[in-house]
Amino acid sequence: MIKEYQGKSPGEIVGLRPARQLYRAFGVDPTKTRPSSEALLRRIVKQKPFPLISNAVDVCNLCALKFLLSLGLYDADKIQGKVVLRKGEQGESFAGIRKGQVNLAGRLVLADDLGAFGNPSSDSLRTSVDEKTSALWMVIFAPQDYSRQLMQEHVATSTGLFERYLLRPGSSDSIGHDVRGGR
């Protein structure tokens, strides 16, 4: 992966275009606020240490690098009520994971009954995965015209990786998935 992308600007990497297109659709400059997948790729190309957090987060980061799309991973039990995808309101923010307040004004956000908890650049501390997490909710962010077939392949790949690295052998645990678009 390092050799494939080293020396290229993000604009030259074809696989990053859908994530950048999604940002531009919401009026966000992806060169100023980077999609999480692009930030991870930059980290790998610069040969910076890759943070190993937990199997769940590590699988999510692996998928973000493989798909070159932003992903969000949340503790499903910390999400309250109905989830909506919307544009962030003026003055809206949340406490980010390992960072201060994340400005959400004008940006794509996921929100539940308690407010915004994720976007394609950052996730909130409130819904973050920790050692007590027993149910995960993952979102793959892509623009409206992203290939449905390719998205279904991403869901199958991520499901397989989660099953391989998170489920106990011989358990009756299962992973459900739903492919929806903000279409």
Protein backbone atom coordinates (compact mmCIF):
# COMPACT_ATOMS: atom_id res chain seq x y z
CA MET A 1 0.00 0.00 0.00
CA ILE A 2 2.85 2.38 0.82
CA LYS A 3 4.49 1.94 -2.58
CA GLU A 4 1.17 2.25 -4.42
CA TYR A 5 0.33 5.65 -2.93
CA GLN A 6 3.66 7.17 -1.89
CA GLY A 7 4.43 10.46 -3.62
CA LYS A 8 0.84 10.94 -4.80
CA SER A 9 -1.38 13.76 -3.65
CA PRO A 10 -4.81 12.72 -2.35
CA GLY A 11 -6.37 14.26 -5.49
CA GLU A 12 -4.36 11.84 -7.63
CA ILE A 13 -5.64 8.74 -5.80
CA VAL A 14 -8.72 7.58 -7.69
CA GLY A 15 -10.03 5.53 -4.76
CA LEU A 16 -10.29 8.63 -2.55
CA ARG A 17 -12.54 10.49 -4.99
CA PRO A 18 -15.89 9.22 -3.64
CA ALA A 19 -15.06 10.29 -0.06
CA ARG A 20 -13.91 13.70 -1.29
CA GLN A 21 -17.02 13.98 -3.50
CA LEU A 22 -19.23 13.37 -0.46
CA TYR A 23 -17.49 16.20 1.40
CA ARG A 24 -17.84 18.59 -1.51
CA ALA A 25 -21.56 17.75 -1.80
CA PHE A 26 -21.94 19.20 1.69
CA GLY A 27 -19.76 22.22 0.98
CA VAL A 28 -16.80 20.90 2.99
CA ASP A 29 -13.30 21.26 1.55
CA PRO A 30 -11.64 17.80 1.89
CA THR A 31 -8.20 19.42 1.86
CA LYS A 32 -9.03 21.30 5.07
CA THR A 33 -11.18 18.67 6.81
CA ARG A 34 -9.99 15.27 5.66
CA PRO A 35 -12.17 12.18 5.38
CA SER A 36 -11.04 9.68 8.02
CA SER A 37 -10.00 7.17 5.35
CA GLU A 38 -7.69 9.75 3.78
CA ALA A 39 -6.19 10.62 7.17
CA LEU A 40 -5.51 6.92 7.84
CA LEU A 41 -3.96 6.46 4.39
CA ARG A 42 -1.72 9.50 4.89
CA ARG A 43 -0.58 8.02 8.19
CA ILE A 44 0.34 4.71 6.55
CA VAL A 45 2.12 6.33 3.60
CA LYS A 46 4.16 8.52 5.98
CA GLN A 47 4.99 5.31 7.89
CA LYS A 48 3.68 6.72 11.15
CA PRO A 49 2.69 4.20 13.81
CA PHE A 50 -0.79 2.85 13.30
CA PRO A 51 -2.84 3.05 16.48
CA LEU A 52 -3.95 -0.38 17.69
CA ILE A 53 -7.01 0.24 19.83
CA SER A 54 -9.23 -2.83 19.93
CA ASN A 55 -10.10 -5.60 17.48
CA ALA A 56 -13.33 -3.83 16.56
CA VAL A 57 -11.71 -0.45 15.89
CA ASP A 58 -8.75 -2.09 14.14
CA VAL A 59 -11.09 -3.99 11.78
CA CYS A 60 -12.97 -0.76 11.06
CA ASN A 61 -9.69 1.05 10.28
CA LEU A 62 -8.60 -1.82 8.04
CA CYS A 63 -11.90 -1.58 6.14
CA ALA A 64 -11.53 2.21 5.78
CA LEU A 65 -8.11 1.68 4.20
CA LYS A 66 -9.34 -1.15 2.00
CA PHE A 67 -12.43 0.73 0.75
CA LEU A 68 -10.86 4.25 0.93
CA LEU A 69 -14.16 5.47 2.36
CA SER A 70 -14.85 7.01 5.75
CA LEU A 71 -16.36 4.64 8.27
CA GLY A 72 -17.93 5.24 11.63
CA LEU A 73 -17.97 2.62 14.38
CA TYR A 74 -20.23 3.11 17.37
CA ASP A 75 -21.36 1.34 20.52
CA ALA A 76 -24.92 0.49 19.49
CA ASP A 77 -26.14 0.49 23.10
CA LYS A 78 -25.09 4.14 23.50
CA ILE A 79 -27.23 5.27 20.55
CA GLN A 80 -30.63 6.51 21.71
CA GLY A 81 -33.71 6.33 19.50
CA LYS A 82 -33.86 6.93 15.78
CA VAL A 83 -30.69 7.78 13.85
CA VAL A 84 -30.81 10.42 11.14
CA LEU A 85 -28.25 11.59 8.61
CA ARG A 86 -28.36 15.36 8.28
CA LYS A 87 -26.34 18.53 7.94
CA GLY A 88 -24.83 19.90 11.16
CA GLU A 89 -26.45 23.01 12.58
CA GLN A 90 -24.70 26.31 13.30
CA GLY A 91 -22.90 26.07 16.66
CA GLU A 92 -23.38 22.30 16.88
CA SER A 93 -20.44 20.20 18.07
CA PHE A 94 -19.57 17.10 20.05
CA ALA A 95 -16.65 15.93 22.16
CA GLY A 96 -14.46 13.92 19.81
CA ILE A 97 -12.47 10.81 20.61
CA ARG A 98 -9.01 11.87 21.84
CA LYS A 99 -9.66 15.48 20.82
CA GLY A 100 -11.65 18.48 21.92
CA GLN A 101 -14.93 19.72 20.54
CA VAL A 102 -15.56 18.86 16.88
CA ASN A 103 -17.33 21.62 14.92
CA LEU A 104 -20.25 20.17 12.95
CA ALA A 105 -21.81 23.25 11.36
CA GLY A 106 -22.60 22.51 7.71
CA ARG A 107 -21.06 19.04 7.83
CA LEU A 108 -22.67 15.67 7.32
CA VAL A 109 -23.61 14.19 10.72
CA LEU A 110 -25.29 11.20 12.24
CA ALA A 111 -27.60 12.13 15.10
CA ASP A 112 -29.84 10.28 17.51
CA ASP A 113 -32.35 11.56 20.08
CA LEU A 114 -29.47 12.99 22.17
CA GLY A 115 -27.80 14.83 19.27
CA ALA A 116 -24.96 14.39 16.82
CA PHE A 117 -22.55 11.53 17.43
CA GLY A 118 -20.57 10.93 14.26
CA ASN A 119 -19.46 12.20 10.88
CA PRO A 120 -17.05 11.07 8.13
CA SER A 121 -14.09 12.77 9.88
CA SER A 122 -14.68 12.15 13.58
CA ASP A 123 -16.77 10.18 16.00
CA SER A 124 -18.03 11.33 19.37
CA LEU A 125 -16.76 10.21 22.72
CA ARG A 126 -20.38 9.63 23.80
CA THR A 127 -20.97 6.70 21.43
CA SER A 128 -17.39 5.44 21.24
CA VAL A 129 -16.49 1.77 21.41
CA ASP A 130 -14.82 0.71 24.67
CA GLU A 131 -14.03 -2.47 26.63
CA LYS A 132 -17.69 -2.76 27.75
CA THR A 133 -19.11 -2.59 24.20
CA SER A 134 -21.19 -5.64 23.33
CA ALA A 135 -23.00 -4.40 20.21
CA LEU A 136 -21.47 -2.48 17.31
CA TRP A 137 -23.00 -0.25 14.67
CA MET A 138 -20.83 0.57 11.67
CA VAL A 139 -21.57 3.10 8.94
CA ILE A 140 -19.83 3.32 5.58
CA PHE A 141 -20.09 6.88 4.27
CA ALA A 142 -20.32 7.21 0.48
CA PRO A 143 -21.89 9.63 -2.01
CA GLN A 144 -25.33 8.95 -3.40
CA ASP A 145 -24.07 7.70 -6.77
CA TYR A 146 -21.65 5.17 -5.25
CA SER A 147 -22.06 1.71 -6.77
CA ARG A 148 -24.65 -0.29 -4.81
CA GLN A 149 -22.91 -3.52 -5.84
CA LEU A 150 -19.57 -2.25 -4.59
CA MET A 151 -21.22 -1.15 -1.32
CA GLN A 152 -22.70 -4.63 -0.90
CA GLU A 153 -19.20 -6.07 -1.42
CA HIS A 154 -17.85 -3.72 1.25
CA VAL A 155 -20.57 -4.84 3.66
CA ALA A 156 -19.76 -8.50 2.96
CA THR A 157 -16.03 -7.88 3.42
CA SER A 158 -16.48 -5.99 6.68
CA THR A 159 -18.95 -8.56 7.98
CA GLY A 160 -16.46 -11.34 7.22
CA LEU A 161 -13.64 -9.50 8.98
CA PHE A 162 -15.79 -8.75 12.04
CA GLU A 163 -16.88 -12.39 12.21
CA ARG A 164 -13.27 -13.55 11.90
CA TYR A 165 -11.74 -11.23 14.48
CA LEU A 166 -14.55 -10.53 16.95
CA LEU A 167 -16.89 -13.49 17.30
CA ARG A 168 -16.03 -16.32 19.64
CA PRO A 169 -15.45 -19.66 17.87
CA GLY A 170 -18.49 -21.88 18.22
CA SER A 171 -20.70 -19.08 19.56
CA SER A 172 -24.22 -18.38 18.38
CA ASP A 173 -23.36 -14.70 17.90
CA SER A 174 -24.28 -13.26 14.55
CA ILE A 175 -23.76 -10.13 12.55
CA GLY A 176 -26.69 -8.48 10.84
CA HIS A 177 -26.36 -5.89 8.14
CA ASP A 178 -28.49 -3.52 6.20
CA VAL A 179 -27.43 -1.79 3.02
CA ARG A 180 -29.15 1.53 2.78
CA GLY A 181 -28.37 4.68 0.99
CA GLY A 182 -29.20 8.23 1.77
CA ARG A 183 -30.85 8.18 -1.63
